[in-house]
Amino acid sequence: MTDLTAAAQHAGASLFRIDAGIGRDLVGLDWNREGASAGCILFSHGAASAPWKYAPMIDDWRARGYRVLAPLHVDSTDHPDTLAYPGLASWRARLEDMRSLAQLTDQPHIAAGHSYGALVALTLGGARGEEPADIARSCGDATPSRHTQCVLAFSPPRPFRG
């Protein structure tokens, strides 16, 4: 397990841990660029990865004037509770993470993601995936975020059932 605060600092970000009303803390990194004028990017990392592992790409976005918010999803090998979310339990949690961030920012944003994260980002833009029956209603329904301006999907998974 990684020391999350140290990983955030090494990546030039701040660690956040908030109660987003989803039954667990939402943990992630905030690259809050002072005077960010271009907007906000909500980034979802690939399966078993972590936001700080994308620092070179995120640094480029920051240099272009973006603030970047990236949750540490429960399927990350660096997440302290990863063992409590085996298999597809991470799908529900990932949707909750990104929908909660979209509501918390309540501003226009770009939804971005890599691999599994690309699939999650696509749902913020309107793509339909199977809706988990037990998803937290506090983070919104399956409709796309009204503030998602565009989606950047890097290496999304191929279409599959569900």
N, C-alpha and C. Protein backbone atom coordinates (compact mmCIF):
# COMPACT_ATOMS: atom_id res chain seq x y z
N MET A 1 0.84 -1.18 0.00
CA MET A 1 0.00 0.00 0.00
C MET A 1 0.89 1.24 0.00
N THR A 2 0.46 2.26 -0.69
CA THR A 2 1.21 3.50 -0.83
C THR A 2 0.77 4.50 0.24
N ASP A 3 1.71 5.30 0.71
CA ASP A 3 1.37 6.43 1.56
C ASP A 3 0.73 7.47 0.64
N LEU A 4 -0.58 7.64 0.76
CA LEU A 4 -1.32 8.47 -0.18
C LEU A 4 -0.88 9.93 -0.15
N THR A 5 -0.61 10.45 1.03
CA THR A 5 -0.18 11.85 1.13
C THR A 5 1.15 12.05 0.44
N ALA A 6 2.08 11.14 0.65
CA ALA A 6 3.39 11.25 0.01
C ALA A 6 3.27 11.11 -1.51
N ALA A 7 2.42 10.20 -1.97
CA ALA A 7 2.22 10.03 -3.41
C ALA A 7 1.64 11.31 -4.02
N ALA A 8 0.68 11.92 -3.34
CA ALA A 8 0.08 13.16 -3.83
C ALA A 8 1.12 14.27 -3.90
N GLN A 9 1.90 14.43 -2.85
CA GLN A 9 2.92 15.47 -2.83
C GLN A 9 3.96 15.26 -3.93
N HIS A 10 4.37 14.01 -4.10
CA HIS A 10 5.34 13.70 -5.15
C HIS A 10 4.80 14.06 -6.54
N ALA A 11 3.50 13.92 -6.73
CA ALA A 11 2.87 14.23 -8.02
C ALA A 11 2.52 15.71 -8.15
N GLY A 12 2.77 16.50 -7.10
CA GLY A 12 2.46 17.92 -7.16
C GLY A 12 0.99 18.22 -6.95
N ALA A 13 0.29 17.36 -6.22
CA ALA A 13 -1.14 17.51 -6.00
C ALA A 13 -1.44 17.51 -4.51
N SER A 14 -2.69 17.80 -4.21
CA SER A 14 -3.19 17.71 -2.84
C SER A 14 -4.08 16.48 -2.73
N LEU A 15 -3.99 15.79 -1.62
CA LEU A 15 -4.86 14.66 -1.36
C LEU A 15 -6.16 15.19 -0.79
N PHE A 16 -7.30 14.67 -1.28
CA PHE A 16 -8.57 15.00 -0.66
C PHE A 16 -9.24 13.73 -0.19
N ARG A 17 -9.99 13.85 0.88
CA ARG A 17 -10.79 12.76 1.44
C ARG A 17 -12.06 13.42 1.94
N ILE A 18 -13.17 13.15 1.25
CA ILE A 18 -14.43 13.81 1.59
C ILE A 18 -15.56 12.80 1.71
N ASP A 19 -16.54 13.17 2.51
CA ASP A 19 -17.76 12.37 2.61
C ASP A 19 -18.68 12.86 1.51
N ALA A 20 -18.81 12.07 0.46
CA ALA A 20 -19.62 12.46 -0.69
C ALA A 20 -21.03 11.87 -0.61
N GLY A 21 -21.38 11.28 0.54
CA GLY A 21 -22.71 10.73 0.70
C GLY A 21 -22.92 9.41 -0.03
N ILE A 22 -21.83 8.67 -0.26
CA ILE A 22 -21.92 7.41 -0.99
C ILE A 22 -21.59 6.20 -0.11
N GLY A 23 -21.58 6.42 1.20
CA GLY A 23 -21.34 5.33 2.13
C GLY A 23 -19.88 5.02 2.40
N ARG A 24 -18.99 5.81 1.84
CA ARG A 24 -17.56 5.67 2.06
C ARG A 24 -16.91 6.99 1.68
N ASP A 25 -15.72 7.23 2.15
CA ASP A 25 -15.03 8.46 1.78
C ASP A 25 -14.61 8.40 0.32
N LEU A 26 -14.68 9.53 -0.33
CA LEU A 26 -14.16 9.68 -1.69
C LEU A 26 -12.75 10.23 -1.53
N VAL A 27 -11.77 9.47 -1.99
CA VAL A 27 -10.36 9.81 -1.85
C VAL A 27 -9.79 10.10 -3.23
N GLY A 28 -8.96 11.11 -3.34
CA GLY A 28 -8.35 11.39 -4.63
C GLY A 28 -7.35 12.53 -4.57
N LEU A 29 -6.92 12.95 -5.75
CA LEU A 29 -5.93 14.01 -5.88
C LEU A 29 -6.53 15.21 -6.59
N ASP A 30 -6.09 16.38 -6.15
CA ASP A 30 -6.53 17.65 -6.72
C ASP A 30 -5.29 18.41 -7.16
N TRP A 31 -5.16 18.54 -8.47
CA TRP A 31 -4.12 19.39 -9.03
C TRP A 31 -4.80 20.72 -9.29
N ASN A 32 -4.89 21.54 -8.26
CA ASN A 32 -5.60 22.81 -8.35
C ASN A 32 -4.63 23.90 -8.75
N ARG A 33 -4.58 24.15 -10.02
CA ARG A 33 -3.66 25.16 -10.54
C ARG A 33 -4.20 26.54 -10.20
N GLU A 34 -3.38 27.33 -9.53
CA GLU A 34 -3.78 28.70 -9.20
C GLU A 34 -4.09 29.43 -10.50
N GLY A 35 -5.24 30.07 -10.52
CA GLY A 35 -5.63 30.83 -11.70
C GLY A 35 -5.99 29.96 -12.89
N ALA A 36 -6.39 28.72 -12.65
CA ALA A 36 -6.77 27.83 -13.74
C ALA A 36 -7.87 28.49 -14.56
N SER A 37 -7.58 28.79 -15.79
CA SER A 37 -8.52 29.52 -16.62
C SER A 37 -9.17 28.67 -17.70
N ALA A 38 -8.58 27.53 -18.00
CA ALA A 38 -9.10 26.71 -19.09
C ALA A 38 -10.28 25.85 -18.66
N GLY A 39 -10.38 25.55 -17.36
CA GLY A 39 -11.49 24.73 -16.87
C GLY A 39 -11.01 23.61 -15.98
N CYS A 40 -11.87 22.60 -15.86
CA CYS A 40 -11.61 21.48 -14.95
C CYS A 40 -11.70 20.16 -15.71
N ILE A 41 -10.80 19.25 -15.39
CA ILE A 41 -10.82 17.90 -15.96
C ILE A 41 -11.03 16.92 -14.81
N LEU A 42 -12.03 16.05 -14.95
CA LEU A 42 -12.25 14.96 -14.01
C LEU A 42 -11.64 13.72 -14.65
N PHE A 43 -10.62 13.15 -14.01
CA PHE A 43 -9.87 12.05 -14.60
C PHE A 43 -10.07 10.75 -13.84
N SER A 44 -10.37 9.68 -14.57
CA SER A 44 -10.55 8.34 -14.02
C SER A 44 -9.42 7.44 -14.51
N HIS A 45 -8.62 6.92 -13.58
CA HIS A 45 -7.46 6.11 -13.94
C HIS A 45 -7.85 4.70 -14.39
N GLY A 46 -6.91 3.99 -14.97
CA GLY A 46 -7.12 2.62 -15.42
C GLY A 46 -7.22 1.64 -14.25
N ALA A 47 -7.67 0.43 -14.55
CA ALA A 47 -7.84 -0.61 -13.53
C ALA A 47 -6.53 -0.86 -12.79
N ALA A 48 -6.63 -0.96 -11.48
CA ALA A 48 -5.52 -1.27 -10.58
C ALA A 48 -4.45 -0.17 -10.53
N SER A 49 -4.63 0.92 -11.24
CA SER A 49 -3.64 1.99 -11.28
C SER A 49 -3.91 3.03 -10.20
N ALA A 50 -3.43 4.25 -10.39
CA ALA A 50 -3.63 5.34 -9.45
C ALA A 50 -3.41 6.66 -10.19
N PRO A 51 -4.04 7.76 -9.73
CA PRO A 51 -3.92 9.03 -10.45
C PRO A 51 -2.49 9.53 -10.63
N TRP A 52 -1.64 9.37 -9.60
CA TRP A 52 -0.28 9.91 -9.68
C TRP A 52 0.57 9.21 -10.72
N LYS A 53 0.14 8.06 -11.19
CA LYS A 53 0.89 7.35 -12.23
C LYS A 53 0.70 7.99 -13.60
N TYR A 54 -0.18 8.98 -13.67
CA TYR A 54 -0.44 9.71 -14.90
C TYR A 54 0.09 11.14 -14.81
N ALA A 55 0.98 11.41 -13.88
CA ALA A 55 1.47 12.76 -13.63
C ALA A 55 2.01 13.46 -14.88
N PRO A 56 2.78 12.81 -15.76
CA PRO A 56 3.27 13.54 -16.94
C PRO A 56 2.14 14.09 -17.82
N MET A 57 1.09 13.30 -18.01
CA MET A 57 -0.04 13.77 -18.80
C MET A 57 -0.78 14.88 -18.06
N ILE A 58 -1.00 14.69 -16.77
CA ILE A 58 -1.71 15.69 -15.98
C ILE A 58 -0.91 16.97 -15.88
N ASP A 59 0.41 16.88 -15.76
CA ASP A 59 1.26 18.08 -15.74
C ASP A 59 1.08 18.89 -17.02
N ASP A 60 0.92 18.21 -18.15
CA ASP A 60 0.68 18.92 -19.42
C ASP A 60 -0.66 19.64 -19.39
N TRP A 61 -1.68 18.98 -18.88
CA TRP A 61 -2.99 19.64 -18.77
C TRP A 61 -2.90 20.86 -17.86
N ARG A 62 -2.19 20.72 -16.75
CA ARG A 62 -2.04 21.84 -15.82
C ARG A 62 -1.31 23.00 -16.47
N ALA A 63 -0.28 22.69 -17.26
CA ALA A 63 0.47 23.74 -17.95
C ALA A 63 -0.41 24.50 -18.94
N ARG A 64 -1.46 23.85 -19.39
CA ARG A 64 -2.40 24.48 -20.33
C ARG A 64 -3.56 25.18 -19.62
N GLY A 65 -3.50 25.23 -18.29
CA GLY A 65 -4.46 26.00 -17.53
C GLY A 65 -5.61 25.25 -16.91
N TYR A 66 -5.54 23.92 -16.84
CA TYR A 66 -6.63 23.12 -16.28
C TYR A 66 -6.38 22.74 -14.83
N ARG A 67 -7.45 22.70 -14.09
CA ARG A 67 -7.46 22.06 -12.77
C ARG A 67 -7.84 20.61 -13.03
N VAL A 68 -7.21 19.66 -12.35
CA VAL A 68 -7.50 18.24 -12.54
C VAL A 68 -7.88 17.62 -11.20
N LEU A 69 -9.04 16.95 -11.18
CA LEU A 69 -9.50 16.19 -10.02
C LEU A 69 -9.54 14.73 -10.42
N ALA A 70 -8.95 13.87 -9.61
CA ALA A 70 -8.88 12.45 -9.95
C ALA A 70 -9.08 11.59 -8.72
N PRO A 71 -10.18 10.84 -8.66
CA PRO A 71 -10.37 9.95 -7.52
C PRO A 71 -9.41 8.77 -7.58
N LEU A 72 -9.08 8.26 -6.41
CA LEU A 72 -8.35 7.00 -6.31
C LEU A 72 -9.44 5.94 -6.19
N HIS A 73 -9.71 5.24 -7.29
CA HIS A 73 -10.79 4.26 -7.31
C HIS A 73 -10.45 3.05 -6.44
N VAL A 74 -11.49 2.40 -5.94
CA VAL A 74 -11.31 1.29 -5.00
C VAL A 74 -10.60 0.08 -5.59
N ASP A 75 -10.56 -0.04 -6.92
CA ASP A 75 -9.85 -1.18 -7.51
C ASP A 75 -8.35 -0.93 -7.63
N SER A 76 -7.89 0.26 -7.26
CA SER A 76 -6.47 0.55 -7.30
C SER A 76 -5.73 -0.31 -6.28
N THR A 77 -4.59 -0.83 -6.67
CA THR A 77 -3.77 -1.60 -5.73
C THR A 77 -3.23 -0.71 -4.62
N ASP A 78 -3.35 0.62 -4.79
CA ASP A 78 -2.89 1.57 -3.78
C ASP A 78 -4.02 2.04 -2.87
N HIS A 79 -5.26 1.64 -3.14
CA HIS A 79 -6.39 2.07 -2.30
C HIS A 79 -6.40 1.25 -1.01
N PRO A 80 -6.56 1.90 0.14
CA PRO A 80 -6.53 1.16 1.40
C PRO A 80 -7.66 0.14 1.58
N ASP A 81 -8.76 0.28 0.86
CA ASP A 81 -9.90 -0.63 1.01
C ASP A 81 -10.12 -1.52 -0.22
N THR A 82 -9.11 -1.69 -1.03
CA THR A 82 -9.29 -2.42 -2.30
C THR A 82 -9.82 -3.84 -2.12
N LEU A 83 -9.44 -4.52 -1.05
CA LEU A 83 -9.89 -5.90 -0.84
C LEU A 83 -11.39 -6.00 -0.57
N ALA A 84 -12.01 -4.91 -0.18
CA ALA A 84 -13.46 -4.91 0.08
C ALA A 84 -14.29 -4.76 -1.20
N TYR A 85 -13.62 -4.59 -2.34
CA TYR A 85 -14.32 -4.37 -3.61
C TYR A 85 -13.81 -5.33 -4.69
N PRO A 86 -14.07 -6.62 -4.52
CA PRO A 86 -13.57 -7.58 -5.51
C PRO A 86 -14.36 -7.52 -6.82
N GLY A 87 -13.68 -7.86 -7.89
CA GLY A 87 -14.34 -7.99 -9.19
C GLY A 87 -15.10 -6.75 -9.62
N LEU A 88 -16.33 -6.97 -10.06
CA LEU A 88 -17.13 -5.87 -10.61
C LEU A 88 -17.73 -4.95 -9.56
N ALA A 89 -17.46 -5.18 -8.28
CA ALA A 89 -17.91 -4.24 -7.25
C ALA A 89 -17.30 -2.86 -7.49
N SER A 90 -16.17 -2.82 -8.19
CA SER A 90 -15.53 -1.54 -8.48
C SER A 90 -16.31 -0.72 -9.50
N TRP A 91 -17.13 -1.35 -10.33
CA TRP A 91 -17.91 -0.61 -11.33
C TRP A 91 -18.84 0.38 -10.63
N ARG A 92 -19.62 -0.11 -9.67
CA ARG A 92 -20.52 0.77 -8.93
C ARG A 92 -19.74 1.90 -8.26
N ALA A 93 -18.65 1.54 -7.59
CA ALA A 93 -17.86 2.53 -6.87
C ALA A 93 -17.26 3.58 -7.81
N ARG A 94 -16.79 3.14 -8.97
CA ARG A 94 -16.23 4.09 -9.94
C ARG A 94 -17.30 5.07 -10.43
N LEU A 95 -18.48 4.57 -10.75
CA LEU A 95 -19.56 5.46 -11.18
C LEU A 95 -19.90 6.46 -10.08
N GLU A 96 -19.98 5.97 -8.84
CA GLU A 96 -20.26 6.86 -7.72
C GLU A 96 -19.17 7.92 -7.57
N ASP A 97 -17.91 7.51 -7.69
CA ASP A 97 -16.80 8.46 -7.57
C ASP A 97 -16.92 9.60 -8.56
N MET A 98 -17.08 9.24 -9.82
CA MET A 98 -17.08 10.27 -10.87
C MET A 98 -18.35 11.13 -10.84
N ARG A 99 -19.49 10.53 -10.58
CA ARG A 99 -20.73 11.31 -10.48
C ARG A 99 -20.67 12.26 -9.29
N SER A 100 -20.10 11.79 -8.19
CA SER A 100 -19.97 12.65 -7.02
C SER A 100 -19.05 13.82 -7.30
N LEU A 101 -17.92 13.56 -7.97
CA LEU A 101 -17.01 14.66 -8.32
C LEU A 101 -17.70 15.66 -9.24
N ALA A 102 -18.46 15.15 -10.20
CA ALA A 102 -19.16 16.04 -11.13
C ALA A 102 -20.14 16.94 -10.38
N GLN A 103 -20.81 16.39 -9.39
CA GLN A 103 -21.75 17.19 -8.60
C GLN A 103 -21.02 18.16 -7.68
N LEU A 104 -19.89 17.73 -7.12
CA LEU A 104 -19.15 18.59 -6.21
C LEU A 104 -18.55 19.80 -6.92
N THR A 105 -18.08 19.60 -8.15
CA THR A 105 -17.48 20.73 -8.87
C THR A 105 -18.57 21.67 -9.36
N ASP A 106 -19.70 21.12 -9.75
CA ASP A 106 -20.86 21.89 -10.23
C ASP A 106 -20.43 23.00 -11.21
N GLN A 107 -19.51 22.66 -12.09
CA GLN A 107 -19.05 23.58 -13.12
C GLN A 107 -18.77 22.79 -14.39
N PRO A 108 -18.73 23.46 -15.53
CA PRO A 108 -18.40 22.73 -16.76
C PRO A 108 -17.04 22.03 -16.61
N HIS A 109 -16.95 20.83 -17.16
CA HIS A 109 -15.71 20.06 -17.04
C HIS A 109 -15.56 19.12 -18.23
N ILE A 110 -14.37 18.59 -18.34
CA ILE A 110 -14.05 17.54 -19.29
C ILE A 110 -13.95 16.25 -18.49
N ALA A 111 -14.61 15.20 -18.94
CA ALA A 111 -14.47 13.88 -18.32
C ALA A 111 -13.41 13.13 -19.12
N ALA A 112 -12.37 12.67 -18.43
CA ALA A 112 -11.28 11.96 -19.11
C ALA A 112 -10.98 10.68 -18.37
N GLY A 113 -10.45 9.69 -19.11
CA GLY A 113 -10.08 8.45 -18.46
C GLY A 113 -9.24 7.57 -19.35
N HIS A 114 -8.55 6.64 -18.72
CA HIS A 114 -7.72 5.67 -19.43
C HIS A 114 -8.26 4.27 -19.18
N SER A 115 -8.44 3.48 -20.23
CA SER A 115 -8.85 2.09 -20.16
C SER A 115 -10.17 1.96 -19.40
N TYR A 116 -10.18 1.27 -18.27
CA TYR A 116 -11.40 1.15 -17.46
C TYR A 116 -11.93 2.54 -17.11
N GLY A 117 -11.02 3.46 -16.84
CA GLY A 117 -11.40 4.84 -16.54
C GLY A 117 -12.03 5.54 -17.73
N ALA A 118 -11.63 5.17 -18.95
CA ALA A 118 -12.24 5.75 -20.14
C ALA A 118 -13.71 5.34 -20.23
N LEU A 119 -13.99 4.09 -19.91
CA LEU A 119 -15.37 3.62 -19.90
C LEU A 119 -16.19 4.43 -18.90
N VAL A 120 -15.63 4.67 -17.73
CA VAL A 120 -16.32 5.45 -16.71
C VAL A 120 -16.52 6.89 -17.18
N ALA A 121 -15.50 7.50 -17.78
CA ALA A 121 -15.62 8.87 -18.28
C ALA A 121 -16.70 8.96 -19.36
N LEU A 122 -16.78 7.95 -20.21
CA LEU A 122 -17.80 7.95 -21.26
C LEU A 122 -19.21 8.00 -20.68
N THR A 123 -19.42 7.39 -19.50
CA THR A 123 -20.76 7.44 -18.90
C THR A 123 -21.13 8.85 -18.47
N LEU A 124 -20.14 9.68 -18.09
CA LEU A 124 -20.45 11.07 -17.76
C LEU A 124 -20.88 11.84 -18.99
N GLY A 125 -20.43 11.39 -20.14
CA GLY A 125 -20.80 12.04 -21.40
C GLY A 125 -22.08 11.49 -22.01
N GLY A 126 -22.64 10.44 -21.42
CA GLY A 126 -23.92 9.93 -21.91
C GLY A 126 -23.93 8.49 -22.36
N ALA A 127 -22.78 7.83 -22.42
CA ALA A 127 -22.76 6.41 -22.78
C ALA A 127 -23.51 5.62 -21.71
N ARG A 128 -24.18 4.59 -22.13
CA ARG A 128 -24.97 3.79 -21.19
C ARG A 128 -24.27 2.49 -20.87
N GLY A 129 -24.10 2.25 -19.59
CA GLY A 129 -23.59 0.98 -19.12
C GLY A 129 -24.65 0.38 -18.22
N GLU A 130 -24.46 -0.84 -17.85
CA GLU A 130 -25.42 -1.46 -16.94
C GLU A 130 -25.37 -0.74 -15.59
N GLU A 131 -26.53 -0.32 -15.13
CA GLU A 131 -26.62 0.43 -13.88
C GLU A 131 -26.68 -0.55 -12.71
N PRO A 132 -25.69 -0.51 -11.80
CA PRO A 132 -25.75 -1.40 -10.64
C PRO A 132 -26.99 -1.09 -9.79
N ALA A 133 -27.67 -2.14 -9.33
CA ALA A 133 -28.91 -1.97 -8.57
C ALA A 133 -28.68 -1.22 -7.27
N ASP A 134 -27.51 -1.35 -6.68
CA ASP A 134 -27.28 -0.76 -5.36
C ASP A 134 -26.44 0.51 -5.41
N ILE A 135 -26.42 1.20 -6.56
CA ILE A 135 -25.63 2.42 -6.64
C ILE A 135 -26.24 3.49 -5.74
N ALA A 136 -25.40 4.27 -5.11
CA ALA A 136 -25.87 5.31 -4.20
C ALA A 136 -26.65 6.37 -4.98
N ARG A 137 -27.88 6.56 -4.62
CA ARG A 137 -28.73 7.55 -5.30
C ARG A 137 -28.29 8.98 -5.02
N SER A 138 -27.52 9.18 -3.97
CA SER A 138 -27.08 10.54 -3.65
C SER A 138 -26.14 11.10 -4.71
N CYS A 139 -25.54 10.22 -5.53
CA CYS A 139 -24.59 10.72 -6.53
C CYS A 139 -25.24 10.87 -7.90
N GLY A 140 -26.54 10.77 -7.98
CA GLY A 140 -27.23 11.01 -9.24
C GLY A 140 -27.62 9.73 -9.95
N ASP A 141 -28.48 9.89 -10.94
CA ASP A 141 -28.94 8.72 -11.69
C ASP A 141 -28.04 8.48 -12.89
N ALA A 142 -28.49 7.68 -13.81
CA ALA A 142 -27.66 7.27 -14.94
C ALA A 142 -27.55 8.32 -16.03
N THR A 143 -28.23 9.45 -15.89
CA THR A 143 -28.15 10.48 -16.91
C THR A 143 -26.76 11.12 -16.88
N PRO A 144 -26.29 11.58 -18.04
CA PRO A 144 -24.96 12.20 -18.06
C PRO A 144 -24.94 13.48 -17.24
N SER A 145 -23.76 13.85 -16.79
CA SER A 145 -23.62 15.10 -16.05
C SER A 145 -23.98 16.26 -16.96
N ARG A 146 -24.78 17.17 -16.45
CA ARG A 146 -25.18 18.33 -17.26
C ARG A 146 -24.01 19.26 -17.51
N HIS A 147 -22.92 19.07 -16.77
CA HIS A 147 -21.76 19.94 -16.92
C HIS A 147 -20.63 19.34 -17.73
N THR A 148 -20.78 18.10 -18.20
CA THR A 148 -19.72 17.49 -19.00
C THR A 148 -19.74 18.10 -20.40
N GLN A 149 -18.65 18.76 -20.74
CA GLN A 149 -18.54 19.44 -22.04
C GLN A 149 -18.01 18.52 -23.13
N CYS A 150 -17.14 17.62 -22.77
CA CYS A 150 -16.61 16.64 -23.72
C CYS A 150 -15.97 15.50 -22.94
N VAL A 151 -15.64 14.43 -23.65
CA VAL A 151 -15.03 13.26 -23.04
C VAL A 151 -13.74 12.92 -23.79
N LEU A 152 -12.67 12.66 -23.03
CA LEU A 152 -11.42 12.15 -23.59
C LEU A 152 -11.28 10.72 -23.11
N ALA A 153 -11.34 9.78 -24.02
CA ALA A 153 -11.27 8.36 -23.66
C ALA A 153 -10.01 7.76 -24.28
N PHE A 154 -9.01 7.49 -23.44
CA PHE A 154 -7.76 6.90 -23.88
C PHE A 154 -7.82 5.39 -23.74
N SER A 155 -7.73 4.65 -24.84
CA SER A 155 -7.74 3.20 -24.84
C SER A 155 -8.93 2.60 -24.09
N PRO A 156 -10.15 3.01 -24.46
CA PRO A 156 -11.30 2.42 -23.78
C PRO A 156 -11.41 0.93 -24.10
N PRO A 157 -12.02 0.15 -23.20
CA PRO A 157 -12.18 -1.27 -23.48
C PRO A 157 -13.16 -1.47 -24.63
N ARG A 158 -13.05 -2.63 -25.26
CA ARG A 158 -13.95 -2.96 -26.36
C ARG A 158 -15.36 -3.11 -25.82
N PRO A 159 -16.38 -2.99 -26.67
CA PRO A 159 -17.76 -3.21 -26.20
C PRO A 159 -17.91 -4.62 -25.64
N PHE A 160 -18.68 -4.73 -24.57
CA PHE A 160 -18.96 -6.02 -23.98
C PHE A 160 -20.35 -5.99 -23.37
N ARG A 161 -20.88 -7.15 -23.09
CA ARG A 161 -22.22 -7.27 -22.54
C ARG A 161 -22.33 -6.50 -21.23
N GLY A 162 -23.42 -5.71 -21.10
CA GLY A 162 -23.63 -4.94 -19.88
C GLY A 162 -23.15 -3.54 -20.04
